[in-house]
PDB file of N, CA and C in Angstrom:
ATOM      1  N   MET A   1     -45.195  37.665  -0.268  1.00  0.00           N
ATOM      2  CA  MET A   1     -44.479  36.478   0.208  1.00  0.00           C
ATOM      3  C   MET A   1     -43.459  36.949   1.201  1.00  0.00           C
ATOM      4  N   ARG A   2     -43.825  37.501   2.267  1.00  0.00           N
ATOM      5  CA  ARG A   2     -42.861  37.925   3.231  1.00  0.00           C
ATOM      6  C   ARG A   2     -42.331  36.843   4.048  1.00  0.00           C
ATOM      7  N   LEU A   3     -43.040  35.680   4.040  1.00  0.00           N
ATOM      8  CA  LEU A   3     -42.573  34.413   4.722  1.00  0.00           C
ATOM      9  C   LEU A   3     -41.270  33.866   4.245  1.00  0.00           C
ATOM     10  N   PHE A   4     -40.934  34.135   2.897  1.00  0.00           N
ATOM     11  CA  PHE A   4     -39.760  33.662   2.355  1.00  0.00           C
ATOM     12  C   PHE A   4     -38.529  34.580   2.729  1.00  0.00           C
ATOM     13  N   ASN A   5     -38.826  35.631   3.254  1.00  0.00           N
ATOM     14  CA  ASN A   5     -37.719  36.655   3.656  1.00  0.00           C
ATOM     15  C   ASN A   5     -37.072  36.226   4.963  1.00  0.00           C
ATOM     16  N   HIS A   6     -37.679  35.338   5.786  1.00  0.00           N
ATOM     17  CA  HIS A   6     -37.149  35.073   7.073  1.00  0.00           C
ATOM     18  C   HIS A   6     -35.871  34.100   6.894  1.00  0.00           C
ATOM     19  N   LYS A   7     -34.923  34.389   7.642  1.00  0.00           N
ATOM     20  CA  LYS A   7     -33.702  33.434   7.413  1.00  0.00           C
ATOM     21  C   LYS A   7     -33.992  31.942   7.841  1.00  0.00           C
ATOM     22  N   LEU A   8     -34.622  31.795   8.937  1.00  0.00           N
ATOM     23  CA  LEU A   8     -34.892  30.442   9.439  1.00  0.00           C
ATOM     24  C   LEU A   8     -35.807  29.631   8.384  1.00  0.00           C
ATOM     25  N   ILE A   9     -36.886  30.282   7.760  1.00  0.00           N
ATOM     26  CA  ILE A   9     -37.625  29.682   6.727  1.00  0.00           C
ATOM     27  C   ILE A   9     -36.757  29.347   5.454  1.00  0.00           C
ATOM     28  N   GLN A  10     -35.861  30.236   5.033  1.00  0.00           N
ATOM     29  CA  GLN A  10     -35.013  29.935   4.039  1.00  0.00           C
ATOM     30  C   GLN A  10     -34.035  28.746   4.232  1.00  0.00           C
ATOM     31  N   THR A  11     -33.532  28.750   5.491  1.00  0.00           N
ATOM     32  CA  THR A  11     -32.587  27.747   5.945  1.00  0.00           C
ATOM     33  C   THR A  11     -33.353  26.370   5.906  1.00  0.00           C
ATOM     34  N   VAL A  12     -34.522  26.260   6.392  1.00  0.00           N
ATOM     35  CA  VAL A  12     -35.299  25.080   6.416  1.00  0.00           C
ATOM     36  C   VAL A  12     -35.586  24.606   5.023  1.00  0.00           C
ATOM     37  N   LEU A  13     -36.030  25.485   4.069  1.00  0.00           N
ATOM     38  CA  LEU A  13     -36.372  25.095   2.806  1.00  0.00           C
ATOM     39  C   LEU A  13     -35.120  24.644   2.020  1.00  0.00           C
ATOM     40  N   PHE A  14     -34.021  25.330   2.162  1.00  0.00           N
ATOM     41  CA  PHE A  14     -32.721  24.959   1.580  1.00  0.00           C
ATOM     42  C   PHE A  14     -32.355  23.596   2.043  1.00  0.00           C
ATOM     43  N   GLY A  15     -32.489  23.294   3.372  1.00  0.00           N
ATOM     44  CA  GLY A  15     -32.130  22.004   3.854  1.00  0.00           C
ATOM     45  C   GLY A  15     -32.983  20.796   3.328  1.00  0.00           C
ATOM     46  N   LEU A  16     -34.263  21.149   3.227  1.00  0.00           N
ATOM     47  CA  LEU A  16     -35.172  20.198   2.642  1.00  0.00           C
ATOM     48  C   LEU A  16     -34.909  19.940   1.183  1.00  0.00           C
ATOM     49  N   GLY A  17     -34.574  20.945   0.560  1.00  0.00           N
ATOM     50  CA  GLY A  17     -34.192  20.823  -0.947  1.00  0.00           C
ATOM     51  C   GLY A  17     -32.935  19.998  -1.102  1.00  0.00           C
ATOM     52  N   ALA A  18     -31.979  20.388  -0.369  1.00  0.00           N
ATOM     53  CA  ALA A  18     -30.600  19.609  -0.489  1.00  0.00           C
ATOM     54  C   ALA A  18     -30.901  18.226  -0.041  1.00  0.00           C
ATOM     55  N   THR A  19     -31.613  17.860   1.000  1.00  0.00           N
ATOM     56  CA  THR A  19     -31.829  16.545   1.335  1.00  0.00           C
ATOM     57  C   THR A  19     -32.551  15.772   0.266  1.00  0.00           C
ATOM     58  N   LEU A  20     -33.570  16.373  -0.284  1.00  0.00           N
ATOM     59  CA  LEU A  20     -34.352  15.760  -1.457  1.00  0.00           C
ATOM     60  C   LEU A  20     -33.373  15.382  -2.619  1.00  0.00           C
ATOM     61  N   LEU A  21     -32.459  16.471  -2.920  1.00  0.00           N
ATOM     62  CA  LEU A  21     -31.643  16.205  -4.078  1.00  0.00           C
ATOM     63  C   LEU A  21     -30.616  15.048  -3.778  1.00  0.00           C
ATOM     64  N   PHE A  22     -30.062  15.016  -2.555  1.00  0.00           N
ATOM     65  CA  PHE A  22     -29.067  13.885  -2.302  1.00  0.00           C
ATOM     66  C   PHE A  22     -29.843  12.505  -2.143  1.00  0.00           C
ATOM     67  N   ASN A  23     -31.099  12.598  -1.833  1.00  0.00           N
ATOM     68  CA  ASN A  23     -31.773  11.235  -1.589  1.00  0.00           C
ATOM     69  C   ASN A  23     -32.140  10.781  -3.110  1.00  0.00           C
ATOM     70  N   VAL A  24     -32.433  11.647  -4.021  1.00  0.00           N
ATOM     71  CA  VAL A  24     -32.656  11.290  -5.400  1.00  0.00           C
ATOM     72  C   VAL A  24     -31.317  10.771  -6.008  1.00  0.00           C
ATOM     73  N   ILE A  25     -30.315  11.428  -5.812  1.00  0.00           N
ATOM     74  CA  ILE A  25     -29.032  11.042  -6.350  1.00  0.00           C
ATOM     75  C   ILE A  25     -28.569   9.620  -5.747  1.00  0.00           C
ATOM     76  N   GLY A  26     -28.682   9.527  -4.471  1.00  0.00           N
ATOM     77  CA  GLY A  26     -28.411   8.165  -3.816  1.00  0.00           C
ATOM     78  C   GLY A  26     -29.329   7.083  -4.284  1.00  0.00           C
ATOM     79  N   TYR A  27     -30.596   7.385  -4.581  1.00  0.00           N
ATOM     80  CA  TYR A  27     -31.417   6.405  -5.049  1.00  0.00           C
ATOM     81  C   TYR A  27     -31.122   5.982  -6.490  1.00  0.00           C
ATOM     82  N   MET A  28     -30.751   6.827  -7.303  1.00  0.00           N
ATOM     83  CA  MET A  28     -30.220   6.560  -8.684  1.00  0.00           C
ATOM     84  C   MET A  28     -28.999   5.659  -8.645  1.00  0.00           C
ATOM     85  N   LEU A  29     -28.020   6.049  -7.751  1.00  0.00           N
ATOM     86  CA  LEU A  29     -26.843   5.278  -7.647  1.00  0.00           C
ATOM     87  C   LEU A  29     -27.144   3.815  -7.084  1.00  0.00           C
ATOM     88  N   PHE A  30     -28.075   3.799  -6.211  1.00  0.00           N
ATOM     89  CA  PHE A  30     -28.456   2.443  -5.598  1.00  0.00           C
ATOM     90  C   PHE A  30     -29.040   1.551  -6.819  1.00  0.00           C
ATOM     91  N   ILE A  31     -29.876   2.169  -7.547  1.00  0.00           N
ATOM     92  CA  ILE A  31     -30.500   1.346  -8.655  1.00  0.00           C
ATOM     93  C   ILE A  31     -29.458   0.784  -9.650  1.00  0.00           C
ATOM     94  N   HIS A  32     -28.443   1.614 -10.035  1.00  0.00           N
ATOM     95  CA  HIS A  32     -27.440   1.230 -10.910  1.00  0.00           C
ATOM     96  C   HIS A  32     -26.463   0.247 -10.258  1.00  0.00           C
ATOM     97  N   ALA A  33     -26.361   0.245  -8.955  1.00  0.00           N
ATOM     98  CA  ALA A  33     -25.439  -0.572  -8.249  1.00  0.00           C
ATOM     99  C   ALA A  33     -26.004  -2.051  -8.230  1.00  0.00           C
ATOM    100  N   PHE A  34     -27.237  -2.246  -8.245  1.00  0.00           N
ATOM    101  CA  PHE A  34     -27.926  -3.567  -8.121  1.00  0.00           C
ATOM    102  C   PHE A  34     -28.822  -3.822  -9.297  1.00  0.00           C
ATOM    103  N   PRO A  35     -28.328  -4.047 -10.420  1.00  0.00           N
ATOM    104  CA  PRO A  35     -29.275  -4.205 -11.614  1.00  0.00           C
ATOM    105  C   PRO A  35     -30.158  -5.475 -11.416  1.00  0.00           C
ATOM    106  N   LYS A  36     -31.400  -5.371 -12.104  1.00  0.00           N
ATOM    107  CA  LYS A  36     -32.327  -6.385 -11.978  1.00  0.00           C
ATOM    108  C   LYS A  36     -31.951  -7.611 -12.761  1.00  0.00           C
ATOM    109  N   ASP A  37     -32.053  -8.861 -12.191  1.00  0.00           N
ATOM    110  CA  ASP A  37     -31.587  -9.936 -12.807  1.00  0.00           C
ATOM    111  C   ASP A  37     -32.923 -10.722 -13.028  1.00  0.00           C
ATOM    112  N   GLU A  38     -33.268 -10.903 -14.287  1.00  0.00           N
ATOM    113  CA  GLU A  38     -34.528 -11.496 -14.749  1.00  0.00           C
ATOM    114  C   GLU A  38     -34.461 -13.021 -14.210  1.00  0.00           C
ATOM    115  N   GLU A  39     -33.406 -13.684 -14.527  1.00  0.00           N
ATOM    116  CA  GLU A  39     -33.346 -15.121 -14.068  1.00  0.00           C
ATOM    117  C   GLU A  39     -33.498 -15.328 -12.682  1.00  0.00           C
ATOM    118  N   GLU A  40     -32.797 -14.494 -11.925  1.00  0.00           N
ATOM    119  CA  GLU A  40     -32.941 -14.661 -10.474  1.00  0.00           C
ATOM    120  C   GLU A  40     -34.379 -14.355  -9.858  1.00  0.00           C
ATOM    121  N   GLU A  41     -34.995 -13.278 -10.549  1.00  0.00           N
ATOM    122  CA  GLU A  41     -36.386 -13.070 -10.226  1.00  0.00           C
ATOM    123  C   GLU A  41     -37.290 -14.200 -10.459  1.00  0.00           C
ATOM    124  N   ALA A  42     -37.083 -14.852 -11.607  1.00  0.00           N
ATOM    125  CA  ALA A  42     -37.933 -16.082 -11.945  1.00  0.00           C
ATOM    126  C   ALA A  42     -37.649 -17.175 -11.019  1.00  0.00           C
ATOM    127  N   ARG A  43     -36.337 -17.293 -10.525  1.00  0.00           N
ATOM    128  CA  ARG A  43     -36.107 -18.372  -9.533  1.00  0.00           C
ATOM    129  C   ARG A  43     -36.798 -18.156  -8.264  1.00  0.00           C
ATOM    130  N   ILE A  44     -36.759 -16.953  -7.886  1.00  0.00           N
ATOM    131  CA  ILE A  44     -37.394 -16.593  -6.550  1.00  0.00           C
ATOM    132  C   ILE A  44     -38.911 -16.787  -6.684  1.00  0.00           C
ATOM    133  N   LYS A  45     -39.506 -16.406  -7.723  1.00  0.00           N
ATOM    134  CA  LYS A  45     -40.987 -16.535  -7.931  1.00  0.00           C
ATOM    135  C   LYS A  45     -41.431 -18.017  -7.990  1.00  0.00           C
ATOM    136  N   GLN A  46     -40.470 -18.885  -8.608  1.00  0.00           N
ATOM    137  CA  GLN A  46     -40.697 -20.303  -8.592  1.00  0.00           C
ATOM    138  C   GLN A  46     -40.734 -20.877  -7.244  1.00  0.00           C
ATOM    139  N   PHE A  47     -39.663 -20.461  -6.408  1.00  0.00           N
ATOM    140  CA  PHE A  47     -39.603 -20.884  -5.000  1.00  0.00           C
ATOM    141  C   PHE A  47     -40.669 -20.434  -4.216  1.00  0.00           C
ATOM    142  N   GLU A  48     -41.171 -19.289  -4.367  1.00  0.00           N
ATOM    143  CA  GLU A  48     -42.335 -18.784  -3.646  1.00  0.00           C
ATOM    144  C   GLU A  48     -43.522 -19.607  -3.949  1.00  0.00           C
ATOM    145  N   HIS A  49     -43.681 -19.857  -5.261  1.00  0.00           N
ATOM    146  CA  HIS A  49     -44.884 -20.653  -5.715  1.00  0.00           C
ATOM    147  C   HIS A  49     -44.889 -22.067  -5.184  1.00  0.00           C
ATOM    148  N   VAL A  50     -43.766 -22.691  -5.162  1.00  0.00           N
ATOM    149  CA  VAL A  50     -43.560 -24.126  -4.590  1.00  0.00           C
ATOM    150  C   VAL A  50     -43.882 -24.022  -3.121  1.00  0.00           C
ATOM    151  N   ARG A  51     -43.396 -23.019  -2.434  1.00  0.00           N
ATOM    152  CA  ARG A  51     -43.590 -22.926  -1.003  1.00  0.00           C
ATOM    153  C   ARG A  51     -45.117 -22.729  -0.654  1.00  0.00           C
ATOM    154  N   LYS A  52     -45.840 -22.017  -1.470  1.00  0.00           N
ATOM    155  CA  LYS A  52     -47.147 -21.725  -1.282  1.00  0.00           C
ATOM    156  C   LYS A  52     -47.977 -23.069  -1.533  1.00  0.00           C
ATOM    157  N   VAL A  53     -47.659 -23.743  -2.640  1.00  0.00           N
ATOM    158  CA  VAL A  53     -48.255 -25.033  -2.887  1.00  0.00           C
ATOM    159  C   VAL A  53     -48.137 -25.985  -1.741  1.00  0.00           C
ATOM    160  N   ARG A  54     -46.874 -26.101  -1.261  1.00  0.00           N
ATOM    161  CA  ARG A  54     -46.594 -27.025  -0.239  1.00  0.00           C
ATOM    162  C   ARG A  54     -47.375 -26.705   1.058  1.00  0.00           C
ATOM    163  N   SER A  55     -47.474 -25.392   1.374  1.00  0.00           N
ATOM    164  CA  SER A  55     -48.166 -24.976   2.534  1.00  0.00           C
ATOM    165  C   SER A  55     -49.657 -25.311   2.451  1.00  0.00           C
ATOM    166  N   GLU A  56     -50.194 -25.108   1.286  1.00  0.00           N
ATOM    167  CA  GLU A  56     -51.595 -25.521   1.066  1.00  0.00           C
ATOM    168  C   GLU A  56     -51.807 -26.997   1.173  1.00  0.00           C
ATOM    169  N   TYR A  57     -50.861 -27.778   0.649  1.00  0.00           N
ATOM    170  CA  TYR A  57     -50.962 -29.170   0.728  1.00  0.00           C
ATOM    171  C   TYR A  57     -50.910 -29.677   2.282  1.00  0.00           C
ATOM    172  N   TYR A  58     -49.998 -29.089   2.973  1.00  0.00           N
ATOM    173  CA  TYR A  58     -49.895 -29.648   4.337  1.00  0.00           C
ATOM    174  C   TYR A  58     -51.044 -29.023   5.270  1.00  0.00           C
ATOM    175  N   ARG A  59     -51.607 -27.944   4.850  1.00  0.00           N
ATOM    176  CA  ARG A  59     -52.809 -27.359   5.515  1.00  0.00           C
ATOM    177  C   ARG A  59     -53.893 -28.355   5.257  1.00  0.00           C
ATOM    178  N   ASN A  60     -54.147 -28.889   4.158  1.00  0.00           N
ATOM    179  CA  ASN A  60     -55.166 -29.792   3.751  1.00  0.00           C
ATOM    180  C   ASN A  60     -54.965 -31.205   4.212  1.00  0.00           C
ATOM    181  N   HIS A  61     -53.686 -31.588   4.336  1.00  0.00           N
ATOM    182  CA  HIS A  61     -53.264 -32.944   4.683  1.00  0.00           C
ATOM    183  C   HIS A  61     -52.345 -32.904   5.835  1.00  0.00           C
ATOM    184  N   PRO A  62     -52.882 -32.717   7.033  1.00  0.00           N
ATOM    185  CA  PRO A  62     -51.993 -32.589   8.284  1.00  0.00           C
ATOM    186  C   PRO A  62     -51.196 -33.920   8.428  1.00  0.00           C
ATOM    187  N   HIS A  63     -49.964 -33.767   8.950  1.00  0.00           N
ATOM    188  CA  HIS A  63     -49.142 -34.990   9.328  1.00  0.00           C
ATOM    189  C   HIS A  63     -48.981 -35.035  10.881  1.00  0.00           C
ATOM    190  N   LYS A  64     -48.969 -36.239  11.488  1.00  0.00           N
ATOM    191  CA  LYS A  64     -48.880 -36.282  12.922  1.00  0.00           C
ATOM    192  C   LYS A  64     -47.522 -35.666  13.326  1.00  0.00           C
ATOM    193  N   GLU A  65     -46.382 -35.970  12.506  1.00  0.00           N
ATOM    194  CA  GLU A  65     -45.123 -35.425  12.880  1.00  0.00           C
ATOM    195  C   GLU A  65     -45.080 -33.855  12.995  1.00  0.00           C
ATOM    196  N   LEU A  66     -45.753 -33.239  12.153  1.00  0.00           N
ATOM    197  CA  LEU A  66     -45.791 -31.789  12.096  1.00  0.00           C
ATOM    198  C   LEU A  66     -46.614 -31.107  13.160  1.00  0.00           C
ATOM    199  N   ASN A  67     -47.504 -31.879  13.722  1.00  0.00           N
ATOM    200  CA  ASN A  67     -48.404 -31.391  14.709  1.00  0.00           C
ATOM    201  C   ASN A  67     -47.854 -31.534  16.134  1.00  0.00           C
ATOM    202  N   GLN A  68     -46.790 -32.168  16.301  1.00  0.00           N
ATOM    203  CA  GLN A  68     -46.269 -32.445  17.677  1.00  0.00           C
ATOM    204  C   GLN A  68     -45.411 -31.175  18.118  1.00  0.00           C
TER     205      GLN A  68
END
């Protein structure tokens, strides 16, 4: 493994490792900073469902006001 003896290769691998480590730490901190709220998720899903149902209704029953 003479490839790992080159200073440039060592520097690049060290930089990639450090970047990966900082990204993992940052991701973990981000997850803890914004915890998942089950009630909020349910409200968003309900809103999306109502929006989908309304869009299907208006697609099947076009209104003159909406087509102008």
